[in-house]
Amino acid sequence: MARPHVVIIGAGFGGLAAAKELAKGPVTVTLVDRNNFHTFQPLLYQVATSGLASADVAYAVRGLVGREENLAFRQASVIGVDMAARRLHLQGEDHEVGDLTFDHLIVAAGATTNTFGIPGVDHHGFPLYNLFDAVRLRNHILERFEATDAQPELMDDGSLTFVVVGGGPTGVEVAGALVELFHKVLVRDFKGLDLSRARVLLVEMRDELLAPFSEPSRRHARETLEARGVEVRTGAQVARVRANSVELAGGEVVSAHTLVWAAGVQANPVAAALGLPLGRGGRVTVGPDLAVAGHPGVWAIGDVAAIVDGASKEGELLAQVAPVAMQSGRHVARQIVRTIASEPTKPFHYRDKGTMATIGRSRAVAELPLGIRLQGFPAWLAWLGLHLVFLAGFRNRISVFVNWAWNWLTWDRGPRLIFRSRR
């Protein structure tokens, strides 16, 4: 008798966690993703700011699933589904790749950038949610410096003014990394430029940075950023973005050629293409066990799922972060095994193991269980260690560790390269 076939859409944190858990189960598994690599998203900002190479934060999916006999991979995009026939419709980059039948379907497609309909963000902004975004942003940053070196008068037009929108961990990390890149590294590369005029503005609509953190951590993050040269604007919103300027809601116009968008995400539109019930932010509505109501054998996990926080009295949704994705992926894998064994499923309970954000070299904030709060250098070391542990691939861990050590000892950065297609 053939084993039940589980198809997982997405090779992110949640999809990989589910696949690894199912490697021990009485099933066959096919992991589907449009890219043939897994991206370690928490370090994308370091690729964008020349701290790490692209290969340091990406790992071939086949290298991960090929170690298990019952795991397979298919590179393709999901374009639809026939629920009655239990058949997933796939499309390759430039060719048809056919359909894939399933007994159980795990939707782990992640999220995409949410620009909230602000004019100009889609066209002129630089999101930072995948590896292509990171390389594109790095290209643009270095091109701004090359262009200004050739025409210094461009500085008056905002060519070296960088606006980062979003005061969450990503925005804080990008802003801190940018000022270090400018004032510690590029100042040596571009000796003819007065880089004291290079500006980094961090814009956040709330009154504080790092909203999920405690007040002492938020204060430490802001004070550290400002001490290092970041201009922090809280209680401010972006109204419109143009090629060479950013207009704030109060009417102020900032001359800037770069806007980094780190202000929010929404569920991957593949969820809508599958015809699944959607809630706030386009996230798939799921039950306590993460099954999709009305669609037997269909589950949703991670960023794409509207998972209710059981610890919240108001029924708030869990944050779209990697720990939620990994824990929900493992949970659904276990529920599929229980279902196959004709056992009842169990509700998902998220275990909050803390949260961290780095603010730049030797500075971070970390809030851990049991009320443990770290700031500064100890928090930074904890942040480094955690990210090394969860980074996929031993080679990647060694490469990232060596790069971090070199950067810390020399104040140097790695791949300050501009890659462009020569078609």
Protein backbone atom coordinates (compact mmCIF):
# COMPACT_ATOMS: atom_id res chain seq x y z
CA MET A 1 0.00 0.00 0.00
CA ALA A 2 1.37 3.39 -1.04
CA ARG A 3 2.27 5.82 1.67
CA PRO A 4 0.17 8.99 1.97
CA HIS A 5 1.70 11.84 -0.04
CA VAL A 6 2.25 15.17 1.74
CA VAL A 7 2.97 18.24 -0.40
CA ILE A 8 4.48 21.30 1.27
CA ILE A 9 4.29 24.68 -0.47
CA GLY A 10 7.30 26.77 0.54
CA ALA A 11 10.85 25.95 1.65
CA GLY A 12 11.06 28.60 4.32
CA PHE A 13 11.45 28.05 8.06
CA GLY A 14 8.00 26.50 8.44
CA GLY A 15 8.11 24.29 5.36
CA LEU A 16 11.53 22.89 6.21
CA ALA A 17 10.56 22.28 9.83
CA ALA A 18 7.50 20.32 8.69
CA ALA A 19 9.53 18.34 6.14
CA LYS A 20 12.21 17.39 8.65
CA GLU A 21 9.59 16.25 11.16
CA LEU A 22 7.78 14.20 8.51
CA ALA A 23 11.04 12.52 7.54
CA LYS A 24 10.39 10.32 10.55
CA GLY A 25 6.78 9.55 9.58
CA PRO A 26 4.96 6.94 7.45
CA VAL A 27 4.58 9.33 4.49
CA THR A 28 6.28 10.53 1.34
CA VAL A 29 6.88 14.27 1.12
CA THR A 30 7.39 16.67 -1.78
CA LEU A 31 8.58 20.17 -0.97
CA VAL A 32 7.67 22.77 -3.63
CA ASP A 33 9.30 26.18 -3.96
CA ARG A 34 9.90 28.60 -6.82
CA ASN A 35 13.56 28.84 -5.76
CA ASN A 36 15.90 25.89 -5.34
CA PHE A 37 17.34 27.36 -2.15
CA HIS A 38 16.27 28.17 1.39
CA THR A 39 16.97 31.74 2.54
CA PHE A 40 17.90 32.65 6.09
CA GLN A 41 15.86 35.85 6.14
CA PRO A 42 17.09 37.30 9.46
CA LEU A 43 20.49 37.98 7.85
CA LEU A 44 19.28 39.49 4.59
CA TYR A 45 20.06 42.97 5.88
CA GLN A 46 23.72 41.96 6.13
CA VAL A 47 23.74 40.95 2.46
CA ALA A 48 22.16 44.30 1.60
CA THR A 49 24.81 46.21 3.57
CA SER A 50 27.80 44.21 2.27
CA GLY A 51 28.40 42.30 5.48
CA LEU A 52 27.80 38.84 4.00
CA ALA A 53 27.70 37.24 0.57
CA SER A 54 24.48 35.89 -0.90
CA ALA A 55 25.69 32.31 -0.60
CA ASP A 56 26.22 32.76 3.14
CA VAL A 57 22.49 33.06 3.80
CA ALA A 58 21.17 30.60 1.20
CA TYR A 59 21.32 26.82 1.08
CA ALA A 60 20.23 24.42 -1.67
CA VAL A 61 16.95 22.72 -0.73
CA ARG A 62 18.00 19.46 -2.35
CA GLY A 63 21.05 19.44 -0.11
CA LEU A 64 18.69 19.49 2.88
CA VAL A 65 16.00 17.03 1.76
CA GLY A 66 18.30 14.67 -0.16
CA ARG A 67 19.51 13.10 3.08
CA GLU A 68 16.10 11.54 3.72
CA GLU A 69 14.66 8.71 1.63
CA ASN A 70 11.05 9.88 1.83
CA LEU A 71 11.68 13.58 1.04
CA ALA A 72 11.74 15.07 -2.48
CA PHE A 73 11.88 18.55 -3.97
CA ARG A 74 10.17 20.18 -6.96
CA GLN A 75 11.19 23.63 -8.18
CA ALA A 76 8.02 25.30 -9.41
CA SER A 77 5.47 28.01 -8.69
CA VAL A 78 1.99 27.07 -7.49
CA ILE A 79 -0.68 28.55 -9.77
CA GLY A 80 -3.82 26.76 -8.58
CA VAL A 81 -5.40 23.66 -7.11
CA ASP A 82 -8.20 21.20 -7.77
CA MET A 83 -9.32 20.35 -4.25
CA ALA A 84 -11.81 17.72 -5.36
CA ALA A 85 -9.13 15.82 -7.28
CA ARG A 86 -6.45 16.61 -4.67
CA ARG A 87 -4.22 17.99 -7.40
CA LEU A 88 -1.86 20.98 -7.23
CA HIS A 89 -1.18 22.93 -10.45
CA LEU A 90 2.47 23.91 -10.96
CA GLN A 91 4.31 26.21 -13.34
CA GLY A 92 8.07 26.34 -14.00
CA GLU A 93 10.08 29.45 -14.76
CA ASP A 94 9.76 29.01 -18.52
CA HIS A 95 8.09 25.63 -18.93
CA GLU A 96 5.17 23.53 -17.72
CA VAL A 97 6.03 21.11 -14.92
CA GLY A 98 2.62 19.42 -14.58
CA ASP A 99 0.45 18.67 -11.57
CA LEU A 100 1.18 17.10 -8.22
CA THR A 101 -1.37 14.96 -6.39
CA PHE A 102 -1.55 15.01 -2.61
CA ASP A 103 -3.25 13.41 0.35
CA HIS A 104 -2.25 16.25 2.68
CA LEU A 105 -1.29 19.79 1.70
CA ILE A 106 0.72 22.11 3.95
CA VAL A 107 0.63 25.76 2.86
CA ALA A 108 3.85 27.35 4.09
CA ALA A 109 4.22 30.00 1.41
CA GLY A 110 5.31 32.77 3.78
CA ALA A 111 4.62 36.43 3.20
CA THR A 112 5.39 39.33 0.91
CA THR A 113 5.89 43.04 1.44
CA ASN A 114 2.87 45.13 2.40
CA THR A 115 3.15 48.75 1.21
CA PHE A 116 -0.33 49.69 2.53
CA GLY A 117 -1.13 51.40 -0.76
CA ILE A 118 1.21 54.34 -0.15
CA PRO A 119 1.86 56.00 -3.53
CA GLY A 120 5.29 55.39 -4.98
CA VAL A 121 6.50 52.70 -2.57
CA ASP A 122 5.98 49.83 -5.00
CA HIS A 123 7.85 51.65 -7.77
CA HIS A 124 10.60 53.49 -5.89
CA GLY A 125 10.97 51.62 -2.58
CA PHE A 126 13.38 48.82 -1.77
CA PRO A 127 11.78 45.98 0.20
CA LEU A 128 13.97 43.50 2.05
CA TYR A 129 12.15 40.20 2.17
CA ASN A 130 14.09 37.86 -0.12
CA LEU A 131 17.60 37.35 -1.46
CA PHE A 132 16.89 39.20 -4.69
CA ASP A 133 15.69 42.21 -2.68
CA ALA A 134 18.93 42.19 -0.67
CA VAL A 135 21.21 42.06 -3.73
CA ARG A 136 19.16 44.74 -5.48
CA LEU A 137 19.43 47.04 -2.47
CA ARG A 138 23.18 46.45 -2.16
CA ASN A 139 23.61 47.28 -5.85
CA HIS A 140 21.64 50.48 -5.41
CA ILE A 141 23.49 51.64 -2.29
CA LEU A 142 26.89 51.18 -3.91
CA GLU A 143 25.71 52.78 -7.15
CA ARG A 144 24.62 55.87 -5.22
CA PHE A 145 28.15 56.22 -3.85
CA GLU A 146 29.77 55.64 -7.24
CA ALA A 147 27.46 58.20 -8.87
CA THR A 148 28.11 60.76 -6.13
CA ASP A 149 31.85 60.21 -6.36
CA ALA A 150 31.64 61.09 -10.06
CA GLN A 151 29.24 64.01 -9.46
CA PRO A 152 29.57 65.33 -5.89
CA GLU A 153 26.79 67.85 -6.50
CA LEU A 154 24.31 64.95 -6.36
CA MET A 155 24.73 64.96 -2.59
CA ASP A 156 22.70 68.18 -2.46
CA ASP A 157 19.88 66.29 -4.19
CA GLY A 158 19.82 63.56 -1.52
CA SER A 159 21.87 60.91 -3.33
CA LEU A 160 23.46 59.87 -0.03
CA THR A 161 20.32 60.19 2.10
CA PHE A 162 18.79 56.85 3.00
CA VAL A 163 15.31 56.62 4.52
CA VAL A 164 14.45 53.39 6.36
CA VAL A 165 10.73 52.95 7.05
CA GLY A 166 9.70 50.70 9.92
CA GLY A 167 10.95 50.67 13.50
CA GLY A 168 10.74 46.93 14.04
CA PRO A 169 13.78 44.63 14.23
CA THR A 170 14.44 44.75 10.47
CA GLY A 171 14.33 48.54 10.28
CA VAL A 172 16.51 48.96 13.34
CA GLU A 173 19.05 46.42 12.05
CA VAL A 174 19.22 48.01 8.59
CA ALA A 175 19.64 51.54 9.96
CA GLY A 176 22.42 50.47 12.32
CA ALA A 177 24.24 48.54 9.60
CA LEU A 178 24.01 51.41 7.11
CA VAL A 179 25.70 53.98 9.33
CA GLU A 180 28.49 51.52 10.07
CA LEU A 181 28.95 50.79 6.37
CA PHE A 182 29.10 54.49 5.50
CA HIS A 183 31.27 55.85 8.30
CA LYS A 184 33.60 52.89 8.93
CA VAL A 185 34.01 51.22 5.54
CA LEU A 186 32.97 53.34 2.57
CA VAL A 187 34.71 56.37 4.06
CA ARG A 188 37.95 54.58 3.12
CA ASP A 189 36.71 53.60 -0.34
CA PHE A 190 35.48 57.08 -1.27
CA LYS A 191 38.15 59.42 0.07
CA GLY A 192 37.00 62.34 -2.05
CA LEU A 193 33.50 62.43 -0.54
CA ASP A 194 32.50 64.15 2.68
CA LEU A 195 30.61 61.22 4.16
CA SER A 196 29.72 63.19 7.26
CA ARG A 197 26.89 64.42 5.02
CA ALA A 198 25.59 60.91 4.34
CA ARG A 199 22.33 60.54 6.26
CA VAL A 200 20.26 57.62 7.55
CA LEU A 201 16.70 58.44 8.67
CA LEU A 202 14.63 55.81 10.48
CA VAL A 203 10.91 56.55 10.24
CA GLU A 204 8.39 54.79 12.49
CA MET A 205 4.68 55.61 12.73
CA ARG A 206 4.44 54.52 16.38
CA ASP A 207 5.86 56.59 19.21
CA GLU A 208 8.58 54.02 19.98
CA LEU A 209 10.91 51.68 18.15
CA LEU A 210 10.73 47.89 18.64
CA ALA A 211 7.12 47.83 19.81
CA PRO A 212 7.13 44.19 21.07
CA PHE A 213 10.05 44.91 23.43
CA SER A 214 10.02 46.40 26.92
CA GLU A 215 10.50 50.12 27.48
CA PRO A 216 14.15 49.81 28.63
CA SER A 217 15.03 47.82 25.49
CA ARG A 218 13.25 50.31 23.24
CA ARG A 219 15.04 53.20 24.90
CA HIS A 220 18.42 51.47 24.61
CA ALA A 221 17.86 50.81 20.90
CA ARG A 222 16.95 54.41 20.17
CA GLU A 223 19.80 55.90 22.19
CA THR A 224 22.32 53.59 20.54
CA LEU A 225 21.11 54.38 17.03
CA GLU A 226 21.11 58.12 17.65
CA ALA A 227 24.58 58.00 19.22
CA ARG A 228 25.83 56.32 16.04
CA GLY A 229 24.33 58.92 13.74
CA VAL A 230 20.89 57.62 12.80
CA GLU A 231 18.16 60.27 12.72
CA VAL A 232 15.16 58.62 14.36
CA ARG A 233 11.69 59.96 13.54
CA THR A 234 8.92 58.34 15.58
CA GLY A 235 5.27 59.26 15.25
CA ALA A 236 5.91 59.92 11.56
CA GLN A 237 4.38 58.37 8.45
CA VAL A 238 5.34 58.29 4.80
CA ALA A 239 2.73 59.87 2.54
CA ARG A 240 4.35 59.53 -0.88
CA VAL A 241 7.60 58.35 -2.41
CA ARG A 242 9.21 59.71 -5.55
CA ALA A 243 12.45 58.80 -7.28
CA ASN A 244 14.42 61.52 -5.48
CA SER A 245 12.28 62.38 -2.46
CA VAL A 246 10.17 61.06 0.38
CA GLU A 247 7.15 63.06 1.56
CA LEU A 248 6.05 62.60 5.17
CA ALA A 249 2.46 62.89 6.35
CA GLY A 250 3.10 66.26 7.97
CA GLY A 251 4.17 67.76 4.67
CA GLU A 252 7.96 67.57 5.13
CA VAL A 253 9.78 66.51 1.98
CA VAL A 254 13.11 64.74 2.43
CA SER A 255 15.45 64.72 -0.56
CA ALA A 256 16.50 61.08 -0.80
CA HIS A 257 17.28 58.63 -3.60
CA THR A 258 16.75 55.55 -1.41
CA LEU A 259 13.82 54.31 0.65
CA VAL A 260 14.19 50.95 2.39
CA TRP A 261 10.73 49.52 3.16
CA ALA A 262 10.67 47.48 6.38
CA ALA A 263 7.22 48.51 7.55
CA GLY A 264 5.14 45.38 7.18
CA VAL A 265 4.26 42.17 5.41
CA GLN A 266 1.17 40.42 4.13
CA ALA A 267 0.45 36.79 3.35
CA ASN A 268 1.73 35.36 0.08
CA PRO A 269 -0.97 35.72 -2.61
CA VAL A 270 -0.69 32.00 -3.35
CA ALA A 271 -3.15 31.53 -0.48
CA ALA A 272 -5.80 33.41 -2.42
CA ALA A 273 -4.93 31.50 -5.61
CA LEU A 274 -5.71 28.27 -3.76
CA GLY A 275 -9.18 29.52 -2.86
CA LEU A 276 -8.66 29.12 0.86
CA PRO A 277 -10.59 31.18 3.47
CA LEU A 278 -8.65 34.35 4.26
CA GLY A 279 -8.58 36.67 7.24
CA ARG A 280 -6.72 39.87 8.08
CA GLY A 281 -3.70 40.57 5.90
CA GLY A 282 -4.69 37.80 3.49
CA ARG A 283 -3.67 35.14 6.01
CA VAL A 284 -5.35 31.72 5.81
CA THR A 285 -7.94 31.11 8.51
CA VAL A 286 -7.06 27.99 10.49
CA GLY A 287 -8.50 26.07 13.41
CA PRO A 288 -6.78 25.42 16.74
CA ASP A 289 -4.90 22.46 15.21
CA LEU A 290 -3.92 24.62 12.16
CA ALA A 291 -6.20 22.71 9.80
CA VAL A 292 -8.12 24.76 7.19
CA ALA A 293 -11.86 24.48 7.84
CA GLY A 294 -13.85 23.01 4.98
CA HIS A 295 -10.74 21.55 3.33
CA PRO A 296 -9.88 18.16 4.86
CA GLY A 297 -6.18 17.39 4.73
CA VAL A 298 -5.20 21.02 4.11
CA TRP A 299 -3.11 22.88 6.69
CA ALA A 300 -1.50 26.32 6.90
CA ILE A 301 1.53 27.35 8.95
CA GLY A 302 3.86 30.28 9.57
CA ASP A 303 3.47 33.73 8.04
CA VAL A 304 0.68 32.69 5.67
CA ALA A 305 -1.57 31.41 8.48
CA ALA A 306 -3.81 33.43 10.79
CA ILE A 307 -2.78 31.60 13.96
CA VAL A 308 -4.57 32.86 17.04
CA ASP A 309 -2.34 33.51 20.03
CA GLY A 310 -3.72 31.28 22.76
CA ALA A 311 -2.13 33.49 25.41
CA SER A 312 -3.98 36.57 24.17
CA LYS A 313 -7.33 37.40 25.77
CA GLU A 314 -8.24 39.51 22.72
CA GLY A 315 -7.60 36.68 20.29
CA GLU A 316 -4.70 38.42 18.59
CA LEU A 317 -2.76 36.65 15.87
CA LEU A 318 0.77 35.38 16.43
CA ALA A 319 3.51 37.46 14.85
CA GLN A 320 4.87 36.55 11.43
CA VAL A 321 8.31 35.49 12.68
CA ALA A 322 10.56 32.46 12.20
CA PRO A 323 9.96 30.79 15.61
CA VAL A 324 6.21 30.68 14.97
CA ALA A 325 6.80 29.21 11.53
CA MET A 326 9.13 26.47 12.80
CA GLN A 327 6.97 25.47 15.75
CA SER A 328 3.76 25.45 13.67
CA GLY A 329 5.51 23.41 10.96
CA ARG A 330 6.56 20.72 13.42
CA HIS A 331 3.08 20.74 14.99
CA VAL A 332 1.25 20.19 11.70
CA ALA A 333 3.65 17.39 10.76
CA ARG A 334 2.73 15.59 13.98
CA GLN A 335 -1.00 16.15 13.39
CA ILE A 336 -0.75 14.62 9.93
CA VAL A 337 0.85 11.52 11.43
CA ARG A 338 -1.92 11.42 14.05
CA THR A 339 -4.58 11.76 11.36
CA ILE A 340 -3.08 8.89 9.35
CA ALA A 341 -3.18 6.78 12.52
CA SER A 342 -6.88 7.73 13.00
CA GLU A 343 -6.04 9.64 16.18
CA PRO A 344 -7.59 13.02 17.06
CA THR A 345 -5.51 16.11 16.39
CA LYS A 346 -4.24 18.41 19.12
CA PRO A 347 -4.36 22.23 19.29
CA PHE A 348 -1.24 24.25 18.62
CA HIS A 349 0.43 25.99 21.56
CA TYR A 350 3.20 28.45 20.79
CA ARG A 351 6.13 28.61 23.20
CA ASP A 352 7.62 32.09 23.21
CA LYS A 353 11.36 31.62 23.64
CA GLY A 354 12.13 35.32 23.49
CA THR A 355 13.02 37.90 20.89
CA MET A 356 16.17 39.75 19.85
CA ALA A 357 17.31 42.61 17.66
CA THR A 358 20.81 43.78 16.85
CA ILE A 359 21.54 47.50 16.69
CA GLY A 360 24.94 47.25 15.05
CA ARG A 361 28.43 46.28 16.07
CA SER A 362 28.56 44.94 19.64
CA ARG A 363 25.08 46.20 20.50
CA ALA A 364 21.73 44.40 20.66
CA VAL A 365 18.69 43.87 22.85
CA ALA A 366 17.37 40.46 23.88
CA GLU A 367 14.33 39.54 25.95
CA LEU A 368 14.23 35.90 27.01
CA PRO A 369 11.91 33.71 29.12
CA LEU A 370 11.88 34.05 32.92
CA GLY A 371 12.16 37.81 32.58
CA ILE A 372 15.78 37.76 31.39
CA ARG A 373 16.68 40.97 29.55
CA LEU A 374 20.02 41.67 27.96
CA GLN A 375 21.42 44.83 26.42
CA GLY A 376 24.62 45.84 24.70
CA PHE A 377 27.50 43.40 24.19
CA PRO A 378 26.00 40.37 26.06
CA ALA A 379 22.81 40.64 23.99
CA TRP A 380 24.89 40.94 20.82
CA LEU A 381 26.81 37.75 21.64
CA ALA A 382 23.51 35.95 22.32
CA TRP A 383 22.16 37.22 19.00
CA LEU A 384 25.24 35.97 17.14
CA GLY A 385 25.10 32.55 18.75
CA LEU A 386 21.40 32.01 18.10
CA HIS A 387 21.66 32.95 14.43
CA LEU A 388 24.64 30.68 13.89
CA VAL A 389 22.75 27.75 15.44
CA PHE A 390 19.70 28.16 13.20
CA LEU A 391 21.59 28.94 10.00
CA ALA A 392 21.23 26.06 7.51
CA GLY A 393 24.41 24.25 6.51
CA PHE A 394 27.70 23.74 8.33
CA ARG A 395 29.65 25.49 5.56
CA ASN A 396 27.39 28.52 5.87
CA ARG A 397 27.90 28.64 9.64
CA ILE A 398 31.68 28.57 9.25
CA SER A 399 31.63 31.20 6.50
CA VAL A 400 29.36 33.55 8.45
CA PHE A 401 31.39 33.13 11.64
CA VAL A 402 34.66 33.91 9.81
CA ASN A 403 33.09 36.95 8.13
CA TRP A 404 31.73 38.27 11.41
CA ALA A 405 35.08 37.79 13.14
CA TRP A 406 36.93 39.53 10.31
CA ASN A 407 34.45 42.40 10.21
CA TRP A 408 34.68 42.86 13.97
CA LEU A 409 38.48 42.79 14.07
CA THR A 410 39.16 44.97 11.02
CA TRP A 411 36.04 47.15 10.57
CA ASP A 412 36.04 45.82 7.01
CA ARG A 413 33.12 44.51 4.98
CA GLY A 414 32.99 41.70 2.48
CA PRO A 415 31.29 41.77 -0.95
CA ARG A 416 31.06 45.44 -1.92
CA LEU A 417 30.12 44.30 -5.42
CA ILE A 418 27.63 45.64 -7.92
CA PHE A 419 26.06 42.81 -9.95
CA ARG A 420 24.07 43.69 -13.05
CA SER A 421 22.67 41.54 -15.82
CA ARG A 422 24.51 42.14 -19.13
CA ARG A 423 21.68 41.14 -21.45
